Amino acid sequence: MKKFRARFNEIKEFEVVKETEKQIVYINEYKRECREAKIADWQSWHNSKEDAINYLIRKKQAEINQLEARIIYIKEEMNKIYKL
């Protein structure tokens, strides 16, 4: 069965040998069996390429939201400094 791994900013298709609720065993690009968690901080496995793309988009949007919140905080801190 084919699955898609979204990792960092790329998506690769792999042949899956075995799948459990939390882990996946697949054939890597060197033709070796590898075991990984289905979901980790750096990667996630998906049934379709579209699902993998949507995952990466959501992850990047969350990063943008965090950065925007940080900018707002820093601007507020700057305003406090100006009022000193």
C-alpha atoms as a PDB file:
ATOM      1  CA  MET A   1       0.000   0.000   0.000  1.00  0.00           C
ATOM      2  CA  LYS A   2       1.283   3.486  -0.845  1.00  0.00           C
ATOM      3  CA  LYS A   3       1.451   6.267   1.749  1.00  0.00           C
ATOM      4  CA  PHE A   4       2.833   9.772   1.719  1.00  0.00           C
ATOM      5  CA  ARG A   5       5.264  11.167   4.268  1.00  0.00           C
ATOM      6  CA  ALA A   6       5.275  14.916   4.839  1.00  0.00           C
ATOM      7  CA  ARG A   7       8.651  15.771   6.321  1.00  0.00           C
ATOM      8  CA  PHE A   8       9.981  19.294   6.742  1.00  0.00           C
ATOM      9  CA  ASN A   9       8.987  20.934   3.412  1.00  0.00           C
ATOM     10  CA  GLU A  10       8.785  17.855   1.199  1.00  0.00           C
ATOM     11  CA  ILE A  11       6.417  15.001   0.465  1.00  0.00           C
ATOM     12  CA  LYS A  12       7.591  11.543  -0.598  1.00  0.00           C
ATOM     13  CA  GLU A  13       5.649   8.452  -1.551  1.00  0.00           C
ATOM     14  CA  PHE A  14       6.619   5.102   0.019  1.00  0.00           C
ATOM     15  CA  GLU A  15       5.449   1.515  -0.062  1.00  0.00           C
ATOM     16  CA  VAL A  16       4.116   0.564   3.362  1.00  0.00           C
ATOM     17  CA  VAL A  17       4.748  -2.985   4.585  1.00  0.00           C
ATOM     18  CA  LYS A  18       2.970  -2.815   7.946  1.00  0.00           C
ATOM     19  CA  GLU A  19       0.889  -0.260   9.785  1.00  0.00           C
ATOM     20  CA  THR A  20      -0.329  -0.049  13.376  1.00  0.00           C
ATOM     21  CA  GLU A  21      -2.219   2.660  15.184  1.00  0.00           C
ATOM     22  CA  LYS A  22       0.962   4.575  16.019  1.00  0.00           C
ATOM     23  CA  GLN A  23       3.724   3.201  13.785  1.00  0.00           C
ATOM     24  CA  ILE A  24       4.413   2.477  10.172  1.00  0.00           C
ATOM     25  CA  VAL A  25       6.938   0.137   8.515  1.00  0.00           C
ATOM     26  CA  TYR A  26       7.927   1.127   4.993  1.00  0.00           C
ATOM     27  CA  ILE A  27      10.530   0.482   2.305  1.00  0.00           C
ATOM     28  CA  ASN A  28      12.908   3.445   2.122  1.00  0.00           C
ATOM     29  CA  GLU A  29      14.712   4.773  -0.946  1.00  0.00           C
ATOM     30  CA  TYR A  30      17.577   2.308  -0.275  1.00  0.00           C
ATOM     31  CA  LYS A  31      15.152  -0.662  -0.396  1.00  0.00           C
ATOM     32  CA  ARG A  32      15.381  -1.247   3.359  1.00  0.00           C
ATOM     33  CA  GLU A  33      12.558  -1.647   5.839  1.00  0.00           C
ATOM     34  CA  CYS A  34      12.260   1.264   8.253  1.00  0.00           C
ATOM     35  CA  ARG A  35       9.970   1.870  11.204  1.00  0.00           C
ATOM     36  CA  GLU A  36       8.689   5.319  12.165  1.00  0.00           C
ATOM     37  CA  ALA A  37       6.029   6.894  14.307  1.00  0.00           C
ATOM     38  CA  LYS A  38       3.060   7.977  12.191  1.00  0.00           C
ATOM     39  CA  ILE A  39       3.118  11.429  13.739  1.00  0.00           C
ATOM     40  CA  ALA A  40       6.178  13.239  15.087  1.00  0.00           C
ATOM     41  CA  ASP A  41       7.346  16.841  15.339  1.00  0.00           C
ATOM     42  CA  TRP A  42       9.268  16.637  12.065  1.00  0.00           C
ATOM     43  CA  GLN A  43       7.071  14.317   9.957  1.00  0.00           C
ATOM     44  CA  SER A  44       3.629  12.811   9.478  1.00  0.00           C
ATOM     45  CA  TRP A  45       2.215   9.998   7.310  1.00  0.00           C
ATOM     46  CA  HIS A  46      -0.865  10.433   5.079  1.00  0.00           C
ATOM     47  CA  ASN A  47      -3.094   8.369   2.798  1.00  0.00           C
ATOM     48  CA  SER A  48      -2.978  10.872  -0.070  1.00  0.00           C
ATOM     49  CA  LYS A  49      -0.654  13.529  -1.389  1.00  0.00           C
ATOM     50  CA  GLU A  50      -3.426  16.110  -0.956  1.00  0.00           C
ATOM     51  CA  ASP A  51      -3.707  15.252   2.763  1.00  0.00           C
ATOM     52  CA  ALA A  52       0.069  15.630   3.119  1.00  0.00           C
ATOM     53  CA  ILE A  53       0.018  19.015   1.375  1.00  0.00           C
ATOM     54  CA  ASN A  54      -2.810  20.223   3.616  1.00  0.00           C
ATOM     55  CA  TYR A  55      -0.864  19.063   6.685  1.00  0.00           C
ATOM     56  CA  LEU A  56       2.206  21.079   5.640  1.00  0.00           C
ATOM     57  CA  ILE A  57       0.062  24.132   4.900  1.00  0.00           C
ATOM     58  CA  ARG A  58      -1.614  23.931   8.323  1.00  0.00           C
ATOM     59  CA  LYS A  59       1.776  23.537   9.989  1.00  0.00           C
ATOM     60  CA  LYS A  60       3.208  26.586   8.206  1.00  0.00           C
ATOM     61  CA  GLN A  61       0.074  28.623   8.986  1.00  0.00           C
ATOM     62  CA  ALA A  62       0.499  27.767  12.667  1.00  0.00           C
ATOM     63  CA  GLU A  63       4.112  29.010  12.475  1.00  0.00           C
ATOM     64  CA  ILE A  64       2.914  32.269  10.882  1.00  0.00           C
ATOM     65  CA  ASN A  65       0.288  32.708  13.609  1.00  0.00           C
ATOM     66  CA  GLN A  66       2.919  32.218  16.318  1.00  0.00           C
ATOM     67  CA  LEU A  67       5.242  34.738  14.692  1.00  0.00           C
ATOM     68  CA  GLU A  68       2.446  37.291  14.302  1.00  0.00           C
ATOM     69  CA  ALA A  69       1.583  36.895  17.984  1.00  0.00           C
ATOM     70  CA  ARG A  70       5.256  37.407  18.844  1.00  0.00           C
ATOM     71  CA  ILE A  71       5.365  40.601  16.750  1.00  0.00           C
ATOM     72  CA  ILE A  72       2.313  41.967  18.585  1.00  0.00           C
ATOM     73  CA  TYR A  73       3.959  41.203  21.935  1.00  0.00           C
ATOM     74  CA  ILE A  74       7.213  42.904  20.933  1.00  0.00           C
ATOM     75  CA  LYS A  75       5.354  45.994  19.690  1.00  0.00           C
ATOM     76  CA  GLU A  76       3.535  46.210  23.014  1.00  0.00           C
ATOM     77  CA  GLU A  77       6.858  45.966  24.832  1.00  0.00           C
ATOM     78  CA  MET A  78       8.278  48.729  22.637  1.00  0.00           C
ATOM     79  CA  ASN A  79       5.297  50.962  23.438  1.00  0.00           C
ATOM     80  CA  LYS A  80       5.950  50.439  27.150  1.00  0.00           C
ATOM     81  CA  ILE A  81       9.569  51.511  26.603  1.00  0.00           C
ATOM     82  CA  TYR A  82       8.479  54.650  24.715  1.00  0.00           C
ATOM     83  CA  LYS A  83       6.298  55.613  27.696  1.00  0.00           C
ATOM     84  CA  LEU A  84       9.215  55.476  30.157  1.00  0.00           C
END
